[in-house]
Amino acid sequence: MYKIGAHLAKRADLYFAEDKKEAVSKVLKAIEAIAKDVGVTQTQLALAWSIATSDTSTAILGFSRTSQIDENMKAI
């Protein structure tokens, strides 16, 4: 039987497992530096990249605060 959330735990292990923390940390620091260099937030950079890549057909924006709508729209 399918357990709700089990697939999320497997995906999280790909990035947040103990043996991956150092590599993921380096990537996140690089993203932070690039975003700072171009004058955007990390969220805006990630969203703009996702939309620009040819492998993306649809970007679904999520937010929990209305201020995040404005931040997301600045990436488009």
C-alpha atoms as a PDB file:
ATOM      1  CA  MET A   1       0.000   0.000   0.000  1.00  0.00           C
ATOM      2  CA  TYR A   2       1.181   3.493  -0.834  1.00  0.00           C
ATOM      3  CA  LYS A   3       2.134   5.558   2.176  1.00  0.00           C
ATOM      4  CA  ILE A   4       1.394   9.234   1.911  1.00  0.00           C
ATOM      5  CA  GLY A   5       4.613  11.188   2.066  1.00  0.00           C
ATOM      6  CA  ALA A   6       6.939   8.222   1.558  1.00  0.00           C
ATOM      7  CA  HIS A   7       7.988   9.509  -1.859  1.00  0.00           C
ATOM      8  CA  LEU A   8       8.858  12.875  -0.328  1.00  0.00           C
ATOM      9  CA  ALA A   9      11.186  11.267   2.188  1.00  0.00           C
ATOM     10  CA  LYS A  10      13.034   9.467  -0.619  1.00  0.00           C
ATOM     11  CA  ARG A  11      13.414  12.714  -2.563  1.00  0.00           C
ATOM     12  CA  ALA A  12      14.636  14.545   0.531  1.00  0.00           C
ATOM     13  CA  ASP A  13      17.264  11.853   1.045  1.00  0.00           C
ATOM     14  CA  LEU A  14      18.711  12.692  -2.377  1.00  0.00           C
ATOM     15  CA  TYR A  15      19.634  16.169  -1.183  1.00  0.00           C
ATOM     16  CA  PHE A  16      19.667  16.192   2.593  1.00  0.00           C
ATOM     17  CA  ALA A  17      21.219  12.870   3.552  1.00  0.00           C
ATOM     18  CA  GLU A  18      24.228  13.236   5.824  1.00  0.00           C
ATOM     19  CA  ASP A  19      26.713  12.289   3.086  1.00  0.00           C
ATOM     20  CA  LYS A  20      25.269  14.929   0.713  1.00  0.00           C
ATOM     21  CA  LYS A  21      25.224  17.933   3.045  1.00  0.00           C
ATOM     22  CA  GLU A  22      28.631  19.304   2.076  1.00  0.00           C
ATOM     23  CA  ALA A  23      27.994  19.107  -1.676  1.00  0.00           C
ATOM     24  CA  VAL A  24      24.510  20.605  -1.356  1.00  0.00           C
ATOM     25  CA  SER A  25      25.869  23.381   0.851  1.00  0.00           C
ATOM     26  CA  LYS A  26      28.447  24.296  -1.833  1.00  0.00           C
ATOM     27  CA  VAL A  27      25.750  24.450  -4.501  1.00  0.00           C
ATOM     28  CA  LEU A  28      23.492  26.613  -2.342  1.00  0.00           C
ATOM     29  CA  LYS A  29      26.363  28.998  -1.581  1.00  0.00           C
ATOM     30  CA  ALA A  30      27.134  29.262  -5.300  1.00  0.00           C
ATOM     31  CA  ILE A  31      23.480  30.020  -6.064  1.00  0.00           C
ATOM     32  CA  GLU A  32      23.504  32.663  -3.342  1.00  0.00           C
ATOM     33  CA  ALA A  33      26.607  34.300  -4.850  1.00  0.00           C
ATOM     34  CA  ILE A  34      25.182  34.305  -8.384  1.00  0.00           C
ATOM     35  CA  ALA A  35      21.893  35.777  -7.193  1.00  0.00           C
ATOM     36  CA  LYS A  36      23.730  38.493  -5.297  1.00  0.00           C
ATOM     37  CA  ASP A  37      25.903  39.285  -8.346  1.00  0.00           C
ATOM     38  CA  VAL A  38      22.866  39.792 -10.598  1.00  0.00           C
ATOM     39  CA  GLY A  39      20.836  41.598  -7.937  1.00  0.00           C
ATOM     40  CA  VAL A  40      18.017  39.130  -7.372  1.00  0.00           C
ATOM     41  CA  THR A  41      16.948  36.778  -4.603  1.00  0.00           C
ATOM     42  CA  GLN A  42      17.769  33.093  -4.703  1.00  0.00           C
ATOM     43  CA  THR A  43      14.091  32.394  -5.231  1.00  0.00           C
ATOM     44  CA  GLN A  44      13.940  34.720  -8.220  1.00  0.00           C
ATOM     45  CA  LEU A  45      17.090  33.188  -9.708  1.00  0.00           C
ATOM     46  CA  ALA A  46      15.784  29.643  -9.325  1.00  0.00           C
ATOM     47  CA  LEU A  47      12.408  30.530 -10.785  1.00  0.00           C
ATOM     48  CA  ALA A  48      13.904  32.459 -13.718  1.00  0.00           C
ATOM     49  CA  TRP A  49      16.252  29.549 -14.469  1.00  0.00           C
ATOM     50  CA  SER A  50      13.396  27.048 -14.269  1.00  0.00           C
ATOM     51  CA  ILE A  51      11.303  29.056 -16.702  1.00  0.00           C
ATOM     52  CA  ALA A  52      14.216  29.676 -19.091  1.00  0.00           C
ATOM     53  CA  THR A  53      15.331  26.069 -19.398  1.00  0.00           C
ATOM     54  CA  SER A  54      13.954  24.263 -22.429  1.00  0.00           C
ATOM     55  CA  ASP A  55      13.021  21.240 -20.312  1.00  0.00           C
ATOM     56  CA  THR A  56      10.321  23.208 -18.486  1.00  0.00           C
ATOM     57  CA  SER A  57       6.889  23.425 -20.030  1.00  0.00           C
ATOM     58  CA  THR A  58       5.076  24.823 -16.990  1.00  0.00           C
ATOM     59  CA  ALA A  59       6.140  26.578 -13.807  1.00  0.00           C
ATOM     60  CA  ILE A  60       3.747  26.355 -10.892  1.00  0.00           C
ATOM     61  CA  LEU A  61       4.288  29.180  -8.444  1.00  0.00           C
ATOM     62  CA  GLY A  62       3.595  28.631  -4.795  1.00  0.00           C
ATOM     63  CA  PHE A  63       3.363  31.083  -1.968  1.00  0.00           C
ATOM     64  CA  SER A  64       2.009  31.407   1.540  1.00  0.00           C
ATOM     65  CA  ARG A  65       2.200  35.199   1.821  1.00  0.00           C
ATOM     66  CA  THR A  66       1.074  37.837  -0.642  1.00  0.00           C
ATOM     67  CA  SER A  67       4.560  39.408  -0.582  1.00  0.00           C
ATOM     68  CA  GLN A  68       5.856  36.226  -2.202  1.00  0.00           C
ATOM     69  CA  ILE A  69       3.629  36.862  -5.226  1.00  0.00           C
ATOM     70  CA  ASP A  70       5.531  40.067  -5.932  1.00  0.00           C
ATOM     71  CA  GLU A  71       8.870  38.312  -5.475  1.00  0.00           C
ATOM     72  CA  ASN A  72       7.863  35.519  -7.862  1.00  0.00           C
ATOM     73  CA  MET A  73       6.599  37.965 -10.488  1.00  0.00           C
ATOM     74  CA  LYS A  74       9.941  39.800 -10.538  1.00  0.00           C
ATOM     75  CA  ALA A  75      11.544  36.615 -11.861  1.00  0.00           C
ATOM     76  CA  ILE A  76       9.321  36.500 -14.915  1.00  0.00           C
END
